[in-house]
Protein backbone atom coordinates (compact mmCIF):
# COMPACT_ATOMS: atom_id res chain seq x y z
CA MET A 1 37.82 23.74 38.33
CA ARG A 2 34.23 24.47 39.74
CA PRO A 3 33.25 26.13 36.00
CA LEU A 4 34.52 22.98 34.50
CA LEU A 5 32.66 20.81 36.70
CA VAL A 6 29.56 22.86 36.24
CA LEU A 7 30.00 22.24 32.20
CA PHE A 8 30.86 18.58 32.49
CA LEU A 9 27.53 17.97 34.54
CA LEU A 10 25.58 19.97 32.00
CA VAL A 11 27.21 18.08 29.14
CA ALA A 12 26.44 14.62 30.95
CA GLY A 13 22.97 15.65 31.84
CA HIS A 14 22.49 16.43 28.42
CA PHE A 15 23.77 13.30 27.24
CA VAL A 16 21.47 11.32 29.74
CA THR A 17 18.40 13.07 28.83
CA GLU A 18 19.13 12.28 24.96
CA THR A 19 19.73 8.68 25.72
CA LEU A 20 16.71 8.19 27.91
CA SER A 21 14.64 10.21 25.24
CA ALA A 22 15.85 7.83 22.50
CA LYS A 23 14.83 4.75 24.39
CA SER A 24 11.33 6.20 25.37
CA ARG A 25 10.73 7.30 21.72
CA PRO A 26 8.00 4.79 20.01
CA ASN A 27 9.35 2.15 17.60
CA VAL A 28 7.57 1.71 14.35
CA LEU A 29 6.76 -1.28 12.43
CA PHE A 30 5.55 -0.52 9.11
CA LEU A 31 3.46 -3.48 7.27
CA ALA A 32 2.81 -2.98 3.62
CA ILE A 33 0.67 -5.67 1.74
CA ASP A 34 0.19 -5.59 -1.80
CA ASP A 35 -3.06 -5.53 -4.07
CA LEU A 36 -5.48 -6.37 -1.12
CA ASN A 37 -8.79 -5.11 -1.28
CA ASP A 38 -11.11 -5.12 1.51
CA TRP A 39 -11.50 -8.96 1.14
CA VAL A 40 -10.49 -9.28 4.67
CA GLY A 41 -12.59 -10.13 7.92
CA PHE A 42 -12.68 -6.87 9.72
CA LEU A 43 -13.68 -4.91 6.93
CA GLY A 44 -16.20 -7.57 5.28
CA GLY A 45 -15.94 -6.83 1.49
CA TYR A 46 -16.13 -10.65 0.26
CA SER A 47 -19.54 -12.41 0.48
CA GLY A 48 -18.17 -15.73 1.78
CA LYS A 49 -15.85 -16.63 4.33
CA VAL A 50 -12.22 -15.28 4.28
CA TYR A 51 -9.49 -16.57 6.88
CA THR A 52 -7.36 -13.43 7.87
CA PRO A 53 -7.16 -14.21 11.63
CA ASN A 54 -3.93 -12.05 12.13
CA LEU A 55 -5.32 -9.02 10.58
CA ASP A 56 -8.44 -9.19 12.53
CA ARG A 57 -6.47 -9.51 15.84
CA LEU A 58 -4.20 -6.47 14.91
CA ALA A 59 -7.49 -4.50 14.08
CA ALA A 60 -8.56 -5.57 17.47
CA SER A 61 -5.37 -4.14 19.17
CA GLY A 62 -5.76 -0.66 17.73
CA THR A 63 -7.89 1.37 15.31
CA ALA A 64 -9.18 0.08 12.17
CA PHE A 65 -10.16 2.40 9.67
CA THR A 66 -13.05 0.98 7.87
CA ASN A 67 -13.20 3.98 5.12
CA ALA A 68 -10.00 4.08 4.20
CA HIS A 69 -8.82 4.73 0.45
CA CYS A 70 -5.79 4.53 -1.75
CA PRO A 71 -4.32 7.83 -3.19
CA ALA A 72 -3.93 5.84 -6.66
CA PRO A 73 -5.27 2.56 -7.91
CA VAL A 74 -1.82 1.22 -9.28
CA CYS A 75 1.35 0.61 -7.17
CA CYS A 76 4.05 3.08 -8.08
CA PRO A 77 2.08 6.65 -7.57
CA SER A 78 0.02 4.90 -4.54
CA ARG A 79 3.11 4.02 -2.66
CA THR A 80 5.03 7.23 -3.52
CA SER A 81 1.82 9.08 -2.23
CA VAL A 82 1.79 6.99 0.97
CA LEU A 83 5.50 7.22 1.75
CA SER A 84 5.64 11.24 0.90
CA GLY A 85 1.91 12.35 2.23
CA LEU A 86 1.61 13.65 -0.91
CA TYR A 87 -1.18 12.82 -3.58
CA PRO A 88 -0.09 12.26 -7.26
CA THR A 89 -1.31 15.61 -8.38
CA SER A 90 1.53 16.82 -6.02
CA THR A 91 4.40 14.68 -7.14
CA GLY A 92 3.41 14.28 -10.65
CA ILE A 93 3.65 10.47 -10.42
CA TYR A 94 0.70 9.06 -11.93
CA ASN A 95 1.72 5.70 -13.03
CA ASN A 96 4.21 2.93 -13.06
CA GLN A 97 6.32 4.39 -15.64
CA HIS A 98 8.08 7.23 -13.46
CA TRP A 99 10.99 6.97 -10.90
CA TRP A 100 10.23 9.38 -8.27
CA LYS A 101 13.94 10.36 -7.05
CA PRO A 102 15.28 11.58 -10.50
CA ASN A 103 11.97 13.68 -10.59
CA LEU A 104 11.93 14.80 -7.19
CA PRO A 105 15.46 14.48 -5.79
CA ASN A 106 14.62 16.51 -2.72
CA LEU A 107 11.32 14.83 -1.85
CA ARG A 108 11.05 13.88 1.92
CA THR A 109 9.89 10.33 2.41
CA ILE A 110 8.94 8.38 5.58
CA PRO A 111 12.10 6.65 5.84
CA ILE A 112 14.35 9.61 5.23
CA HIS A 113 12.54 11.59 7.69
CA PHE A 114 12.64 9.02 10.42
CA ARG A 115 16.34 8.16 9.73
CA ASP A 116 16.93 12.07 10.07
CA ASN A 117 15.24 12.29 13.17
CA GLY A 118 17.38 9.69 15.21
CA TYR A 119 15.65 6.40 14.17
CA HIS A 120 17.36 3.24 12.80
CA ALA A 121 15.64 3.01 9.36
CA VAL A 122 15.59 -0.73 8.01
CA GLY A 123 13.20 -2.28 5.87
CA THR A 124 12.60 -5.40 3.38
CA GLY A 125 10.30 -6.26 0.50
CA LYS A 126 7.53 -4.14 -1.35
CA ILE A 127 7.45 -0.77 0.51
CA PHE A 128 8.08 1.54 -2.89
CA HIS A 129 7.18 -0.02 -6.23
CA HIS A 130 9.33 -3.14 -6.42
CA THR A 131 11.11 -2.85 -9.89
CA ALA A 132 14.52 -1.55 -10.03
CA GLY A 133 15.08 2.41 -9.52
CA ASN A 134 12.09 3.19 -7.12
CA ASN A 135 13.65 2.53 -3.84
CA PRO A 136 17.17 4.69 -3.45
CA PRO A 137 19.31 3.21 -0.76
CA ILE A 138 20.04 6.53 0.40
CA GLN A 139 16.57 6.58 2.16
CA TRP A 140 17.59 3.55 4.48
CA ASP A 141 20.23 2.47 7.09
CA HIS A 142 19.79 -1.03 5.83
CA PHE A 143 17.31 -2.45 3.11
CA LYS A 144 17.02 -5.92 1.76
CA ARG A 145 15.23 -5.92 -1.54
CA ALA A 146 13.25 -8.63 -2.84
CA PRO A 147 13.23 -10.73 -4.90
CA PHE A 148 16.21 -12.72 -3.22
CA ASN A 149 16.24 -14.98 -5.98
CA ASP A 150 14.83 -15.36 -9.51
CA ASN A 151 13.57 -18.78 -9.88
CA GLY A 152 11.88 -18.03 -13.36
CA TRP A 153 8.21 -18.03 -12.10
CA LEU A 154 8.30 -14.24 -10.66
CA ARG A 155 9.92 -12.45 -13.73
CA HIS A 156 7.76 -10.32 -16.24
CA GLY A 157 10.54 -8.16 -17.92
CA ASP A 158 14.57 -8.22 -17.77
CA ARG A 159 14.58 -4.82 -16.58
CA ALA A 160 12.71 -5.56 -13.71
CA TYR A 161 15.24 -7.22 -11.16
CA PRO A 162 18.69 -6.47 -12.68
CA TRP A 163 20.37 -7.72 -9.47
CA THR A 164 19.26 -11.28 -10.18
CA PRO A 165 20.36 -13.28 -13.01
CA ALA A 166 17.49 -13.96 -15.45
CA LYS A 167 16.04 -17.53 -15.48
CA PRO A 168 13.54 -18.80 -18.68
CA ARG A 169 10.04 -19.62 -17.55
CA PRO A 170 9.83 -23.27 -16.52
CA ARG A 171 8.14 -25.70 -18.44
CA GLU A 172 5.05 -25.81 -16.67
CA PHE A 173 4.14 -22.02 -16.75
CA PRO A 174 1.36 -21.02 -16.66
CA TYR A 175 0.19 -23.21 -14.02
CA SER A 176 -3.21 -22.07 -14.09
CA GLY A 177 -3.62 -23.44 -17.68
CA ILE A 178 -4.63 -20.09 -19.12
CA LYS A 179 -2.55 -17.29 -20.83
CA LEU A 180 -3.98 -13.87 -19.82
CA TYR A 181 -2.93 -10.37 -20.12
CA SER A 182 0.65 -10.46 -19.03
CA GLY A 183 3.23 -13.11 -17.58
CA GLU A 184 2.53 -12.40 -14.17
CA ALA A 185 -1.06 -13.17 -14.36
CA ASP A 186 -0.89 -17.05 -13.44
CA TRP A 187 -1.66 -19.02 -10.05
CA GLY A 188 -0.73 -22.18 -8.68
CA VAL A 189 1.15 -24.03 -5.88
CA LEU A 190 4.94 -24.25 -6.67
CA PRO A 191 6.97 -27.27 -6.24
CA GLN A 192 8.97 -25.66 -3.41
CA THR A 193 8.61 -25.27 0.51
CA GLU A 194 6.63 -22.39 2.37
CA SER A 195 10.05 -21.22 3.62
CA GLN A 196 11.14 -20.67 0.02
CA TYR A 197 8.63 -18.18 -0.89
CA ASP A 198 10.05 -14.62 -1.40
CA ASP A 199 7.44 -13.30 1.07
CA SER A 200 8.37 -16.16 3.73
CA LEU A 201 12.08 -14.60 3.42
CA VAL A 202 10.86 -11.06 3.96
CA ALA A 203 8.96 -11.78 6.99
CA ASP A 204 12.22 -13.96 8.13
CA TYR A 205 14.26 -10.53 7.69
CA ALA A 206 11.82 -8.73 9.87
CA ILE A 207 11.41 -11.27 12.30
CA ASN A 208 15.18 -11.75 12.64
CA TYR A 209 15.52 -7.97 12.99
CA LEU A 210 12.93 -8.14 16.21
CA GLU A 211 14.42 -11.30 17.93
CA ASN A 212 17.78 -9.40 17.90
CA LEU A 213 17.26 -6.13 18.81
CA ASP A 214 19.85 -6.49 22.14
CA GLN A 215 22.43 -7.41 19.59
CA ARG A 216 22.19 -4.17 17.41
CA ALA A 217 25.17 -1.98 17.27
CA THR A 218 22.62 0.86 18.03
CA ASP A 219 20.08 2.06 20.92
CA LYS A 220 18.41 4.20 18.16
CA PRO A 221 14.49 3.69 17.90
CA PHE A 222 13.63 1.71 14.94
CA PHE A 223 11.61 2.17 12.00
CA LEU A 224 11.11 -1.23 10.62
CA ALA A 225 9.37 -1.65 7.09
CA CYS A 226 8.19 -5.12 5.92
CA GLY A 227 6.32 -5.28 2.46
CA ILE A 228 4.76 -8.22 1.84
CA PHE A 229 4.23 -9.03 -2.12
CA HIS A 230 1.05 -11.19 -1.77
CA PRO A 231 -1.84 -11.06 -3.08
CA HIS A 232 -0.17 -9.31 -5.93
CA LEU A 233 0.14 -11.57 -8.83
CA PRO A 234 1.12 -13.89 -9.39
CA TRP A 235 -0.99 -15.99 -6.80
CA TYR A 236 1.62 -18.64 -6.02
CA THR A 237 0.84 -20.02 -2.49
CA PRO A 238 1.49 -23.14 -0.38
CA ARG A 239 -0.96 -25.62 -0.81
CA LYS A 240 -2.40 -25.23 2.81
CA TYR A 241 -3.89 -21.86 2.02
CA LEU A 242 -5.34 -23.01 -0.99
CA ASP A 243 -7.19 -25.88 0.80
CA LEU A 244 -9.02 -23.14 3.28
CA TYR A 245 -10.88 -22.41 -0.10
CA PRO A 246 -12.87 -25.55 -1.40
CA ARG A 247 -13.64 -24.46 -4.69
CA ASP A 248 -16.92 -25.54 -4.80
CA LYS A 249 -17.57 -22.77 -1.83
CA ILE A 250 -16.38 -20.13 -3.47
CA GLU A 251 -18.48 -17.09 -4.38
CA VAL A 252 -17.69 -15.03 -7.28
CA PRO A 253 -18.62 -11.04 -7.48
CA GLU A 254 -22.01 -9.90 -8.77
CA ASN A 255 -21.39 -8.87 -12.18
CA LEU A 256 -24.61 -7.06 -13.73
CA PRO A 257 -24.55 -6.99 -17.58
CA GLN A 258 -26.32 -3.20 -17.24
CA ASP A 259 -24.18 -2.33 -14.70
CA LEU A 260 -22.36 -0.04 -16.92
CA LYS A 261 -25.13 1.80 -18.63
CA ASP A 262 -25.24 4.77 -16.68
CA ILE A 263 -21.36 5.62 -16.41
CA PRO A 264 -19.85 8.02 -18.60
CA SER A 265 -17.76 6.99 -21.41
CA PRO A 266 -14.23 7.54 -19.69
CA GLY A 267 -15.44 5.21 -16.56
CA ARG A 268 -16.61 2.57 -19.27
CA LYS A 269 -13.33 2.39 -20.72
CA LEU A 270 -11.45 1.66 -17.40
CA ALA A 271 -13.81 -0.97 -16.70
CA GLU A 272 -13.41 -2.52 -20.11
CA LYS A 273 -9.45 -2.30 -20.11
CA LYS A 274 -9.00 -5.97 -18.71
CA SER A 275 -12.77 -6.95 -19.43
CA GLY A 276 -11.31 -9.68 -21.87
CA ASP A 277 -9.54 -11.47 -19.05
CA LEU A 278 -12.83 -11.60 -17.22
CA ARG A 279 -14.49 -13.18 -20.30
CA ARG A 280 -12.12 -15.63 -20.91
CA LEU A 281 -12.23 -16.66 -17.15
CA ARG A 282 -15.81 -17.11 -17.71
CA GLU A 283 -15.78 -18.82 -20.82
CA THR A 284 -13.14 -21.25 -19.52
CA GLY A 285 -14.86 -22.06 -16.48
CA ARG A 286 -11.88 -20.60 -14.56
CA TRP A 287 -13.24 -17.59 -13.04
CA PRO A 288 -14.08 -19.31 -9.32
CA THR A 289 -10.61 -20.90 -9.57
CA ALA A 290 -8.95 -17.42 -10.09
CA VAL A 291 -11.03 -16.06 -7.04
CA GLN A 292 -9.86 -18.92 -4.89
CA HIS A 293 -6.18 -18.26 -5.59
CA TYR A 294 -6.49 -14.90 -4.63
CA LEU A 295 -7.99 -15.67 -1.53
CA ALA A 296 -5.55 -18.10 -0.75
CA SER A 297 -3.00 -15.46 -1.62
CA ILE A 298 -4.62 -13.10 1.09
CA SER A 299 -4.43 -15.83 3.51
CA PHE A 300 -0.80 -16.47 3.09
CA ALA A 301 0.08 -12.79 3.45
CA ASP A 302 -2.37 -12.82 6.71
CA ALA A 303 -0.21 -15.86 7.92
CA LEU A 304 3.15 -13.89 7.22
CA VAL A 305 1.87 -10.58 9.11
CA GLY A 306 1.11 -13.01 12.03
CA ARG A 307 4.76 -14.20 12.48
CA VAL A 308 6.01 -10.84 12.06
CA LEU A 309 3.45 -9.66 14.70
CA ASP A 310 4.33 -12.87 16.88
CA SER A 311 7.81 -11.89 16.79
CA LEU A 312 7.24 -8.41 17.99
CA ARG A 313 5.37 -9.45 20.85
CA LYS A 314 7.73 -11.64 22.02
CA SER A 315 10.50 -9.16 21.93
CA THR A 316 11.58 -6.38 23.99
CA ALA A 317 10.04 -3.69 21.99
CA SER A 318 6.55 -5.00 22.38
CA GLY A 319 5.46 -2.44 24.63
CA ASN A 320 6.79 0.43 22.94
CA THR A 321 6.14 0.05 19.06
CA ILE A 322 3.49 1.53 17.03
CA ILE A 323 1.96 -0.67 14.23
CA VAL A 324 0.97 0.56 11.11
CA LEU A 325 -0.60 -1.72 8.23
CA TRP A 326 -1.95 -0.76 5.08
CA SER A 327 -2.41 -2.02 1.21
CA ASP A 328 -1.32 0.08 -1.80
CA HIS A 329 -4.91 -0.52 -3.42
CA GLY A 330 -7.47 -2.84 -4.23
CA TRP A 331 -8.26 -5.22 -6.72
CA HIS A 332 -11.62 -5.93 -9.05
CA LEU A 333 -12.21 -9.81 -9.50
CA GLY A 334 -15.17 -9.27 -11.89
CA GLU A 335 -17.34 -6.36 -10.57
CA LYS A 336 -18.32 -4.05 -12.99
CA GLY A 337 -16.96 -6.53 -15.78
CA HIS A 338 -13.49 -5.63 -14.48
CA TRP A 339 -10.38 -7.72 -14.02
CA HIS A 340 -7.62 -5.95 -12.18
CA LYS A 341 -7.01 -2.33 -10.33
CA ARG A 342 -6.98 1.15 -12.01
CA THR A 343 -10.41 1.95 -11.46
CA LEU A 344 -11.86 4.54 -9.34
CA TRP A 345 -14.56 2.21 -7.71
CA GLU A 346 -14.95 1.11 -4.00
CA GLU A 347 -13.25 -2.40 -5.14
CA ALA A 348 -9.70 -0.32 -6.51
CA THR A 349 -9.58 2.29 -3.93
CA ARG A 350 -10.96 0.88 -0.25
CA VAL A 351 -8.16 -0.72 1.57
CA PRO A 352 -7.24 -2.38 4.99
CA LEU A 353 -5.60 0.64 7.36
CA ILE A 354 -4.76 -0.28 10.93
CA ILE A 355 -3.04 1.84 13.46
CA SER A 356 -2.27 0.45 16.88
CA SER A 357 -0.33 2.64 18.91
CA PRO A 358 0.47 1.53 22.82
CA LYS A 359 -0.34 4.90 24.52
CA VAL A 360 -2.90 6.75 21.79
CA GLY A 361 -6.20 5.13 21.39
CA ASP A 362 -8.21 2.10 22.76
CA LEU A 363 -8.60 -1.15 21.97
CA ASN A 364 -10.88 -2.57 18.96
CA GLN A 365 -11.71 0.67 17.86
CA ARG A 366 -13.50 1.30 14.26
CA CYS A 367 -13.28 4.72 12.44
CA ALA A 368 -15.79 5.01 9.79
CA GLN A 369 -14.76 8.54 8.78
CA PRO A 370 -12.93 8.83 5.12
CA VAL A 371 -9.41 8.69 5.51
CA SER A 372 -6.55 8.48 2.99
CA LEU A 373 -3.26 6.54 2.90
CA VAL A 374 -1.60 10.10 2.53
CA ASP A 375 -2.70 10.50 6.12
CA ILE A 376 0.05 8.15 7.26
CA PHE A 377 2.99 10.39 7.32
CA PRO A 378 1.59 13.09 9.49
CA THR A 379 0.27 10.76 11.87
CA LEU A 380 3.58 9.07 12.41
CA ILE A 381 4.89 12.57 12.50
CA GLU A 382 2.79 13.44 15.53
CA LEU A 383 2.80 9.84 17.20
CA CYS A 384 6.67 10.01 17.28
CA ASN A 385 7.17 13.66 17.59
CA LEU A 386 9.15 13.89 14.58
CA SER A 387 10.03 17.41 12.92
CA PRO A 388 7.35 18.83 10.99
CA VAL A 389 6.97 18.50 7.45
CA SER A 390 5.65 21.39 5.54
CA ASN A 391 3.06 21.21 2.51
CA LEU A 392 1.79 17.70 3.16
CA ASP A 393 -1.29 16.78 1.34
CA GLY A 394 -2.40 14.29 4.28
CA ILE A 395 -3.54 15.19 7.92
CA SER A 396 -2.68 13.41 11.45
CA LEU A 397 -5.40 10.72 12.15
CA VAL A 398 -4.15 11.17 15.84
CA PRO A 399 -7.73 12.94 16.43
CA TRP A 400 -9.39 10.07 15.17
CA LEU A 401 -7.25 7.60 17.38
CA ILE A 402 -8.48 9.19 20.52
CA ASP A 403 -11.90 9.81 19.23
CA PRO A 404 -13.20 7.52 16.32
CA VAL A 405 -16.51 8.91 15.81
CA LYS A 406 -15.28 12.38 15.54
CA LYS A 407 -16.64 14.04 12.27
CA ARG A 408 -14.31 14.57 9.45
CA ASP A 409 -14.97 16.93 6.66
CA ARG A 410 -12.30 16.10 4.43
CA PRO A 411 -12.97 13.45 1.75
CA ALA A 412 -10.19 10.76 0.55
CA LEU A 413 -9.11 11.41 -2.90
CA THR A 414 -7.89 8.73 -5.15
CA VAL A 415 -6.23 10.01 -8.75
CA GLU A 416 -6.25 7.89 -11.72
CA GLU A 417 -3.30 8.41 -14.25
CA SER A 418 -5.58 10.01 -16.95
CA GLY A 419 -6.47 12.82 -14.35
CA HIS A 420 -9.86 11.24 -13.29
CA ILE A 421 -10.58 11.71 -9.69
CA SER A 422 -12.76 10.05 -7.00
CA ILE A 423 -14.04 12.12 -4.19
CA ARG A 424 -15.00 9.51 -1.07
CA THR A 425 -16.80 10.93 1.86
CA LEU A 426 -18.74 9.42 4.87
CA HIS A 427 -21.83 8.37 2.63
CA HIS A 428 -20.89 9.15 -1.03
CA ARG A 429 -18.71 8.68 -3.71
CA ALA A 430 -18.07 10.93 -6.55
CA ILE A 431 -16.08 10.35 -9.48
CA HIS A 432 -14.95 13.33 -11.84
CA TYR A 433 -13.51 12.61 -15.31
CA THR A 434 -11.46 14.94 -17.19
CA THR A 435 -14.50 15.33 -19.81
CA GLY A 436 -16.57 17.21 -17.13
CA GLU A 437 -18.56 14.27 -16.48
CA TRP A 438 -19.63 12.84 -13.14
CA GLU A 439 -20.67 9.30 -11.14
CA LEU A 440 -22.33 9.93 -7.84
CA TYR A 441 -23.33 6.91 -5.45
CA ASP A 442 -24.97 7.01 -2.05
CA HIS A 443 -23.43 4.20 0.28
CA ARG A 444 -26.07 3.97 2.45
CA SER A 445 -28.68 2.58 -0.32
CA ASP A 446 -26.37 1.40 -2.84
CA PRO A 447 -22.89 -0.09 -1.39
CA LYS A 448 -21.92 -1.95 -4.48
CA GLU A 449 -22.15 1.74 -6.56
CA GLN A 450 -24.90 0.33 -9.25
CA THR A 451 -26.95 3.46 -9.40
CA ASN A 452 -25.50 6.50 -10.77
CA LEU A 453 -27.04 9.62 -9.17
CA ALA A 454 -25.11 12.29 -10.82
CA GLU A 455 -27.70 13.28 -13.31
CA ASN A 456 -30.41 13.49 -10.88
CA PRO A 457 -31.29 17.38 -9.99
CA LYS A 458 -31.60 16.55 -6.31
CA HIS A 459 -28.09 15.84 -5.78
CA LYS A 460 -26.51 18.77 -7.45
CA GLU A 461 -25.52 20.36 -3.90
CA LEU A 462 -23.36 17.12 -3.49
CA ILE A 463 -21.92 17.40 -6.89
CA LYS A 464 -20.86 20.91 -5.90
CA ARG A 465 -19.49 20.16 -2.78
CA ALA A 466 -17.49 17.38 -4.30
CA ARG A 467 -16.09 19.76 -6.98
CA ARG A 468 -14.56 22.04 -4.30
CA TRP A 469 -12.00 19.12 -3.71
CA LEU A 470 -10.70 18.74 -6.99
CA PRO A 471 -7.06 20.09 -7.19
CA GLN A 472 -6.68 23.69 -8.85
CA ALA A 473 -3.59 23.25 -10.40
CA PRO A 474 -2.44 19.27 -10.57
CA SER A 475 1.19 18.94 -11.52
CA PRO A 476 1.45 17.88 -15.02
CA PRO A 477 3.25 14.15 -15.42
CA ALA A 478 6.70 13.46 -14.23
CA ALA A 479 9.33 12.60 -16.88
CA THR A 480 9.00 8.99 -17.40
CA LYS A 481 11.83 6.08 -17.27
CA LYS A 482 12.86 6.93 -20.98
CA SER A 483 13.93 10.23 -19.88
CA PHE A 484 16.72 8.57 -18.01
CA ILE A 485 19.51 6.08 -17.91
CA PHE A 486 19.70 4.06 -14.64
CA ASP A 487 22.76 2.63 -13.51
CA HIS A 488 21.39 -0.18 -11.07
CA ARG A 489 24.86 -0.98 -9.58
CA ASN A 490 25.36 2.46 -8.43
CA PHE A 491 21.85 3.26 -8.04
CA ARG A 492 21.91 6.59 -9.94
CA TRP A 493 20.19 8.04 -13.20
CA THR A 494 21.58 10.18 -15.94
CA ARG A 495 19.18 12.55 -17.34
CA LYS A 496 19.50 12.02 -21.30
CA LYS A 497 18.72 15.43 -22.37
CA THR A 498 21.20 17.41 -20.08
CA GLY A 499 23.31 14.59 -18.79
CA GLU A 500 22.69 15.46 -15.22
CA ILE A 501 23.39 12.90 -12.68
CA ILE A 502 20.81 12.22 -9.57
CA LYS A 503 22.38 9.96 -6.82
CA GLY A 504 20.49 7.36 -5.04
CA LYS A 505 22.94 6.04 -2.75
């Protein structure tokens, strides 16, 4: 009997240790905001007054990375990179016309890795790109996808949300009174309550999860992802957020006619892609109104983040939850004559990144070292003591949570779909175009990036250093959506050429 008793005690001890370990492991609240540039209080990107009290208090509760940059200046490649820790030059996902799963069926993503390491992985809203086929259910224990309903205002393509019945545009569309580059480029106050906005329902899901932690069927630590769609177009908000920004107080960005004169041709082409929209806004006098609605959308997103943070603070998990907040890329509102994203300048690449960890780092820290959103995955691996993932492009930010002024020699890269690349260091931005041409800016004297120094012989060494960071063998573009047949009901793809089936759930 004695050997059996010893065996029982060993097994019981192991079970108790595993249980205690699970309960002591930190939870993660993973907050993603869409198309949010540096127009937030703690980053100071907007020249006027912006109301982001909740983002600012989150920044005060941990470390705000004030020189953080996106891996790509458009949604799908950026989010794929954030959630895999790999730049587009490693994944081959360069634009919104790719599905990552059928191209990279074995790709290890953040939710998959947390789930496989004993976490309850749940989420809602826009985490991966929001259109059909980008967020395979196989990654999650549960995911509530958005939009929850299709009211006609938000649809921009029948293929985008096949799980909701398509409805025609309302007669009032466009609310803005001006038709721009696509059906989603609109703004206004919808005839519905704040609680009926889809982003409110996204926040409600996260809040409900946090309020009912004790009723869960599992005692696993949680990885809870909450993706807020605002301030992505269309800029529809409840009236009270618009009222924060009187139109006569709006400050539109500086737009110098000569700003593009010293920029190589590929850069001018990027700027001019949406310049027609800006011209139309200026001609019709609606530029300040559009900026007003972008600001209102920021404050709406901020309020939703605040609701989720308040719910966490009141929950039983408040003392043992790491919070990560990020935006997938920025947005131009007239700078360099551009109206959109998809460029490699500061307006499109600089984004909020906040990490608040209850056991690592001090309160209200600022880190000005250059960091990339691909660093989030390895950071969480270290903070949560997850199994390692090999060959990530990002590196852990834990050393900078501990010492935010620690020097970092690695720049932040941003990859545009044509293969152009930005290299952002502590003081400089270099942009390399596939033509071999360069831009170079010194942020100490030129924070608006208006004087290209690349042709100045004094700065040859800076260009030489930047060149060392260019990927030597970038992945070719992955197969586009046209290469597959997507079955949204069973969430699987069939490769047209071979008939191969790739399952997503």
